[in-house]
N, C-alpha and C. Protein backbone atom coordinates (compact mmCIF):
# COMPACT_ATOMS: atom_id res chain seq x y z
N MET A 1 -17.50 10.21 -18.42
CA MET A 1 -16.18 10.27 -17.83
C MET A 1 -15.48 8.92 -17.97
N THR A 2 -14.29 8.95 -18.49
CA THR A 2 -13.52 7.73 -18.65
C THR A 2 -12.93 7.31 -17.31
N ARG A 3 -13.03 6.02 -17.03
CA ARG A 3 -12.48 5.49 -15.79
C ARG A 3 -11.10 4.92 -16.04
N LYS A 4 -10.23 5.11 -15.06
CA LYS A 4 -8.88 4.58 -15.11
C LYS A 4 -8.59 3.89 -13.79
N ALA A 5 -7.47 3.23 -13.73
CA ALA A 5 -7.03 2.63 -12.48
C ALA A 5 -5.51 2.72 -12.39
N TYR A 6 -5.04 2.93 -11.18
CA TYR A 6 -3.62 3.01 -10.90
C TYR A 6 -3.25 1.97 -9.85
N GLN A 7 -2.13 1.32 -10.04
CA GLN A 7 -1.55 0.51 -8.98
C GLN A 7 -0.60 1.43 -8.22
N VAL A 8 -0.75 1.42 -6.89
CA VAL A 8 0.10 2.29 -6.09
C VAL A 8 0.79 1.48 -5.01
N ILE A 9 2.08 1.73 -4.84
CA ILE A 9 2.84 1.13 -3.74
C ILE A 9 3.24 2.28 -2.82
N VAL A 10 2.81 2.17 -1.56
CA VAL A 10 3.15 3.16 -0.54
C VAL A 10 4.11 2.49 0.43
N ARG A 11 5.26 3.10 0.63
CA ARG A 11 6.21 2.59 1.62
C ARG A 11 6.27 3.59 2.76
N GLY A 12 6.38 3.07 3.97
CA GLY A 12 6.45 3.96 5.12
C GLY A 12 7.11 3.26 6.29
N LYS A 13 7.25 4.02 7.34
CA LYS A 13 7.81 3.48 8.58
C LYS A 13 6.74 3.56 9.66
N PHE A 14 6.81 2.62 10.57
CA PHE A 14 5.94 2.71 11.74
C PHE A 14 6.49 3.82 12.64
N ALA A 15 5.60 4.61 13.21
CA ALA A 15 6.01 5.58 14.23
C ALA A 15 6.53 4.75 15.41
N PRO A 16 7.31 5.35 16.30
CA PRO A 16 7.83 4.55 17.43
C PRO A 16 6.72 3.74 18.11
N LEU A 17 7.01 2.45 18.30
CA LEU A 17 6.02 1.52 18.83
C LEU A 17 6.22 1.30 20.32
N ASN A 18 5.12 1.25 21.05
CA ASN A 18 5.22 0.85 22.46
C ASN A 18 5.09 -0.67 22.52
N ASP A 19 5.23 -1.25 23.69
CA ASP A 19 5.20 -2.71 23.83
C ASP A 19 3.88 -3.31 23.38
N GLU A 20 2.77 -2.64 23.67
CA GLU A 20 1.45 -3.13 23.28
C GLU A 20 1.28 -3.15 21.76
N GLN A 21 1.70 -2.09 21.10
CA GLN A 21 1.62 -2.03 19.64
C GLN A 21 2.51 -3.08 18.99
N ARG A 22 3.71 -3.23 19.54
CA ARG A 22 4.66 -4.24 19.02
C ARG A 22 4.05 -5.64 19.14
N ALA A 23 3.45 -5.94 20.29
CA ALA A 23 2.83 -7.25 20.50
C ALA A 23 1.67 -7.46 19.53
N ALA A 24 0.86 -6.42 19.29
CA ALA A 24 -0.27 -6.53 18.36
C ALA A 24 0.22 -6.81 16.94
N LEU A 25 1.27 -6.11 16.51
CA LEU A 25 1.82 -6.33 15.17
C LEU A 25 2.42 -7.73 15.04
N LEU A 26 3.11 -8.18 16.07
CA LEU A 26 3.68 -9.53 16.04
C LEU A 26 2.59 -10.59 15.97
N ALA A 27 1.49 -10.38 16.69
CA ALA A 27 0.38 -11.34 16.68
C ALA A 27 -0.26 -11.44 15.30
N GLN A 28 -0.20 -10.38 14.51
CA GLN A 28 -0.83 -10.36 13.19
C GLN A 28 0.17 -10.55 12.04
N ALA A 29 1.41 -10.75 12.34
CA ALA A 29 2.46 -10.75 11.33
C ALA A 29 2.24 -11.77 10.21
N ASP A 30 1.77 -12.95 10.54
CA ASP A 30 1.57 -13.97 9.50
C ASP A 30 0.54 -13.53 8.46
N GLU A 31 -0.44 -12.75 8.88
CA GLU A 31 -1.47 -12.26 7.96
C GLU A 31 -0.94 -11.16 7.05
N HIS A 32 0.23 -10.59 7.38
CA HIS A 32 0.78 -9.47 6.64
C HIS A 32 2.13 -9.80 6.02
N ASP A 33 2.31 -11.07 5.72
CA ASP A 33 3.52 -11.54 5.06
C ASP A 33 3.51 -11.07 3.61
N VAL A 34 4.67 -10.82 3.05
CA VAL A 34 4.79 -10.31 1.68
C VAL A 34 4.14 -11.26 0.66
N PHE A 35 4.08 -12.54 0.95
CA PHE A 35 3.48 -13.49 0.01
C PHE A 35 1.96 -13.37 -0.04
N ARG A 36 1.37 -12.61 0.85
CA ARG A 36 -0.07 -12.35 0.84
C ARG A 36 -0.41 -11.01 0.20
N ALA A 37 0.58 -10.30 -0.27
CA ALA A 37 0.36 -8.97 -0.85
C ALA A 37 -0.44 -9.06 -2.14
N ARG A 38 -1.42 -8.19 -2.26
CA ARG A 38 -2.26 -8.13 -3.46
C ARG A 38 -2.57 -6.67 -3.75
N PHE A 39 -2.75 -6.36 -5.01
CA PHE A 39 -3.23 -5.05 -5.40
C PHE A 39 -4.75 -5.12 -5.44
N THR A 40 -5.40 -4.55 -4.44
CA THR A 40 -6.86 -4.51 -4.37
C THR A 40 -7.28 -3.08 -4.06
N GLU A 41 -8.57 -2.78 -4.21
CA GLU A 41 -9.04 -1.44 -3.87
C GLU A 41 -8.96 -1.18 -2.37
N GLU A 42 -9.06 -2.22 -1.55
CA GLU A 42 -8.93 -2.05 -0.09
C GLU A 42 -7.47 -1.91 0.30
N GLY A 43 -6.60 -2.56 -0.46
CA GLY A 43 -5.18 -2.52 -0.21
C GLY A 43 -4.72 -3.59 0.77
N THR A 44 -3.45 -3.89 0.73
CA THR A 44 -2.85 -4.84 1.68
C THR A 44 -1.57 -4.26 2.26
N VAL A 45 -1.41 -4.50 3.55
CA VAL A 45 -0.22 -4.05 4.28
C VAL A 45 0.68 -5.25 4.50
N THR A 46 1.96 -5.09 4.23
CA THR A 46 2.93 -6.14 4.54
C THR A 46 4.06 -5.53 5.35
N TYR A 47 4.64 -6.37 6.22
CA TYR A 47 5.80 -5.95 7.01
C TYR A 47 6.52 -7.19 7.48
N GLU A 48 7.78 -7.01 7.85
CA GLU A 48 8.59 -8.12 8.32
C GLU A 48 8.52 -8.23 9.83
N ARG A 49 8.23 -9.42 10.28
CA ARG A 49 8.14 -9.71 11.71
C ARG A 49 9.44 -9.34 12.43
N SER A 50 10.57 -9.64 11.79
CA SER A 50 11.86 -9.45 12.46
C SER A 50 12.24 -7.97 12.64
N LEU A 51 11.72 -7.11 11.77
CA LEU A 51 12.12 -5.70 11.83
C LEU A 51 11.11 -4.81 12.57
N LEU A 52 9.86 -4.93 12.20
CA LEU A 52 8.80 -4.07 12.75
C LEU A 52 9.18 -2.60 12.70
N SER A 53 9.82 -2.21 11.62
CA SER A 53 10.17 -0.79 11.48
C SER A 53 9.47 -0.16 10.28
N SER A 54 9.32 -0.92 9.21
CA SER A 54 8.72 -0.36 8.00
C SER A 54 7.63 -1.27 7.47
N PHE A 55 6.83 -0.72 6.56
CA PHE A 55 5.74 -1.48 5.95
C PHE A 55 5.60 -1.06 4.50
N THR A 56 4.89 -1.89 3.75
CA THR A 56 4.53 -1.59 2.37
C THR A 56 3.04 -1.79 2.23
N PHE A 57 2.40 -0.87 1.52
CA PHE A 57 0.95 -0.95 1.27
C PHE A 57 0.75 -0.95 -0.23
N ARG A 58 0.02 -1.92 -0.73
CA ARG A 58 -0.26 -2.02 -2.17
C ARG A 58 -1.76 -1.87 -2.37
N CYS A 59 -2.14 -1.07 -3.38
CA CYS A 59 -3.57 -0.91 -3.66
C CYS A 59 -3.78 -0.53 -5.11
N VAL A 60 -5.05 -0.65 -5.53
CA VAL A 60 -5.50 -0.16 -6.82
C VAL A 60 -6.42 1.02 -6.53
N VAL A 61 -6.15 2.15 -7.16
CA VAL A 61 -6.97 3.34 -6.94
C VAL A 61 -7.72 3.66 -8.23
N PRO A 62 -9.06 3.58 -8.19
CA PRO A 62 -9.83 3.99 -9.36
C PRO A 62 -9.73 5.51 -9.52
N ALA A 63 -9.73 5.98 -10.74
CA ALA A 63 -9.60 7.41 -11.00
C ALA A 63 -10.36 7.75 -12.27
N THR A 64 -10.51 9.04 -12.50
CA THR A 64 -11.08 9.51 -13.75
C THR A 64 -9.95 10.04 -14.61
N GLU A 65 -10.25 10.30 -15.83
CA GLU A 65 -9.28 10.84 -16.77
C GLU A 65 -8.71 12.18 -16.27
N GLU A 66 -9.53 12.93 -15.51
CA GLU A 66 -9.12 14.26 -15.03
C GLU A 66 -8.26 14.20 -13.77
N ASP A 67 -8.28 13.08 -13.04
CA ASP A 67 -7.50 12.98 -11.80
C ASP A 67 -6.01 13.00 -12.10
N LYS A 68 -5.31 13.84 -11.39
CA LYS A 68 -3.85 13.92 -11.54
C LYS A 68 -3.21 12.88 -10.63
N GLU A 69 -1.96 12.55 -10.93
CA GLU A 69 -1.24 11.53 -10.16
C GLU A 69 -1.17 11.90 -8.68
N GLU A 70 -1.03 13.18 -8.37
CA GLU A 70 -0.95 13.60 -6.96
C GLU A 70 -2.22 13.25 -6.20
N VAL A 71 -3.37 13.36 -6.87
CA VAL A 71 -4.66 13.03 -6.25
C VAL A 71 -4.72 11.53 -5.98
N VAL A 72 -4.30 10.75 -6.95
CA VAL A 72 -4.30 9.29 -6.81
C VAL A 72 -3.39 8.86 -5.67
N ILE A 73 -2.20 9.43 -5.62
CA ILE A 73 -1.25 9.09 -4.55
C ILE A 73 -1.80 9.53 -3.20
N GLY A 74 -2.44 10.69 -3.15
CA GLY A 74 -3.05 11.15 -1.91
C GLY A 74 -4.09 10.18 -1.39
N ARG A 75 -4.91 9.66 -2.29
CA ARG A 75 -5.92 8.66 -1.90
C ARG A 75 -5.26 7.40 -1.37
N ALA A 76 -4.22 6.94 -2.06
CA ALA A 76 -3.51 5.73 -1.65
C ALA A 76 -2.86 5.91 -0.28
N GLU A 77 -2.24 7.06 -0.07
CA GLU A 77 -1.59 7.31 1.22
C GLU A 77 -2.61 7.41 2.35
N ALA A 78 -3.78 7.95 2.07
CA ALA A 78 -4.84 7.99 3.08
C ALA A 78 -5.31 6.57 3.42
N LEU A 79 -5.43 5.71 2.40
CA LEU A 79 -5.79 4.31 2.65
C LEU A 79 -4.71 3.61 3.47
N ALA A 80 -3.46 3.87 3.14
CA ALA A 80 -2.35 3.25 3.87
C ALA A 80 -2.36 3.68 5.33
N ALA A 81 -2.55 4.97 5.58
CA ALA A 81 -2.58 5.48 6.95
C ALA A 81 -3.71 4.83 7.74
N ALA A 82 -4.87 4.69 7.12
CA ALA A 82 -6.01 4.06 7.80
C ALA A 82 -5.72 2.58 8.08
N ALA A 83 -5.09 1.90 7.13
CA ALA A 83 -4.78 0.48 7.32
C ALA A 83 -3.79 0.28 8.45
N VAL A 84 -2.79 1.15 8.55
CA VAL A 84 -1.80 1.04 9.63
C VAL A 84 -2.46 1.34 10.97
N ARG A 85 -3.35 2.34 11.01
CA ARG A 85 -4.08 2.64 12.25
C ARG A 85 -4.94 1.46 12.68
N GLU A 86 -5.52 0.79 11.69
CA GLU A 86 -6.34 -0.38 11.98
C GLU A 86 -5.51 -1.50 12.62
N LEU A 87 -4.23 -1.54 12.31
CA LEU A 87 -3.33 -2.52 12.92
C LEU A 87 -2.92 -2.11 14.33
N GLY A 88 -3.27 -0.88 14.72
CA GLY A 88 -2.94 -0.41 16.07
C GLY A 88 -1.66 0.40 16.15
N ALA A 89 -1.21 0.90 15.01
CA ALA A 89 0.04 1.67 14.99
C ALA A 89 -0.18 2.98 14.24
N GLU A 90 0.83 3.81 14.23
CA GLU A 90 0.83 5.04 13.45
C GLU A 90 1.98 4.96 12.44
N HIS A 91 2.03 5.90 11.53
CA HIS A 91 3.02 5.87 10.45
C HIS A 91 3.81 7.17 10.38
N ARG A 92 4.89 7.12 9.57
CA ARG A 92 5.68 8.30 9.24
C ARG A 92 6.43 8.03 7.95
N ASP A 93 6.96 9.05 7.35
CA ASP A 93 7.84 8.94 6.18
C ASP A 93 7.24 8.14 5.01
N LEU A 94 6.06 8.52 4.55
CA LEU A 94 5.45 7.82 3.42
C LEU A 94 6.07 8.28 2.11
N THR A 95 6.35 7.31 1.24
CA THR A 95 6.77 7.58 -0.14
C THR A 95 5.95 6.66 -1.03
N SER A 96 5.57 7.16 -2.19
CA SER A 96 4.67 6.39 -3.05
C SER A 96 5.09 6.41 -4.50
N VAL A 97 4.71 5.35 -5.19
CA VAL A 97 4.94 5.20 -6.62
C VAL A 97 3.64 4.68 -7.22
N SER A 98 3.23 5.29 -8.33
CA SER A 98 1.99 4.83 -8.97
C SER A 98 2.25 4.45 -10.42
N THR A 99 1.43 3.54 -10.91
CA THR A 99 1.50 3.12 -12.31
C THR A 99 0.10 3.16 -12.89
N ASP A 100 -0.06 3.91 -13.96
CA ASP A 100 -1.33 3.95 -14.69
C ASP A 100 -1.46 2.63 -15.43
N LEU A 101 -2.47 1.85 -15.10
CA LEU A 101 -2.60 0.52 -15.70
C LEU A 101 -2.82 0.59 -17.21
N ASP A 102 -3.34 1.71 -17.71
CA ASP A 102 -3.50 1.86 -19.16
C ASP A 102 -2.17 2.02 -19.88
N SER A 103 -1.13 2.40 -19.15
CA SER A 103 0.17 2.64 -19.78
C SER A 103 1.03 1.38 -19.87
N ILE A 104 0.57 0.30 -19.28
CA ILE A 104 1.34 -0.94 -19.31
C ILE A 104 1.15 -1.62 -20.66
N LYS A 105 2.26 -1.92 -21.30
CA LYS A 105 2.21 -2.59 -22.60
C LYS A 105 2.59 -4.05 -22.39
N VAL A 106 1.79 -4.92 -22.95
CA VAL A 106 2.06 -6.34 -22.85
C VAL A 106 2.63 -6.79 -24.19
N ARG A 107 3.84 -7.31 -24.15
CA ARG A 107 4.45 -7.78 -25.39
C ARG A 107 4.01 -9.22 -25.65
N GLN A 108 3.66 -9.46 -26.89
CA GLN A 108 3.31 -10.81 -27.32
C GLN A 108 4.57 -11.56 -27.64
N ARG A 109 4.63 -12.80 -27.19
CA ARG A 109 5.79 -13.61 -27.52
C ARG A 109 5.67 -14.14 -28.94
N GLY A 110 6.76 -14.03 -29.66
CA GLY A 110 6.77 -14.56 -31.03
C GLY A 110 6.91 -16.07 -31.00
N ARG A 111 6.29 -16.73 -31.96
CA ARG A 111 6.38 -18.20 -32.00
C ARG A 111 7.01 -18.64 -33.27
C-alpha cells in the first residue's frame, strides 16, 4: 500500500464560552499564538487572545492511496475537535481544506 500525506487546515468557532472556559483559554493563549503553528501529525491549535471566537487547527494526516479526501478531512476534524476539548472548550462550524503533499510542485529557480 502506498503511503501519502495531506496537510489539512481546519477552521472553526468556539461554542459559547462560560467564564471558566474563557479564563482557561486566556491563560493558554501564548502557547497557541499563530507564530507557533506547525503542521504535525498531532496538530496545533491557534487562536487570537483578543477575540476568543474562532480557532485554526493545522495537521498532517497520513493516508493510503485508497483514502478519499473526505476520509482525510474527517480524521483532521476529529483531531481538531479533540484538541479543542483538551483546551477546555467545545467547537462548532468546522470547515476544512486539504492539500495532497504529493501534488505540490516545487519550481527550480533558474540561474
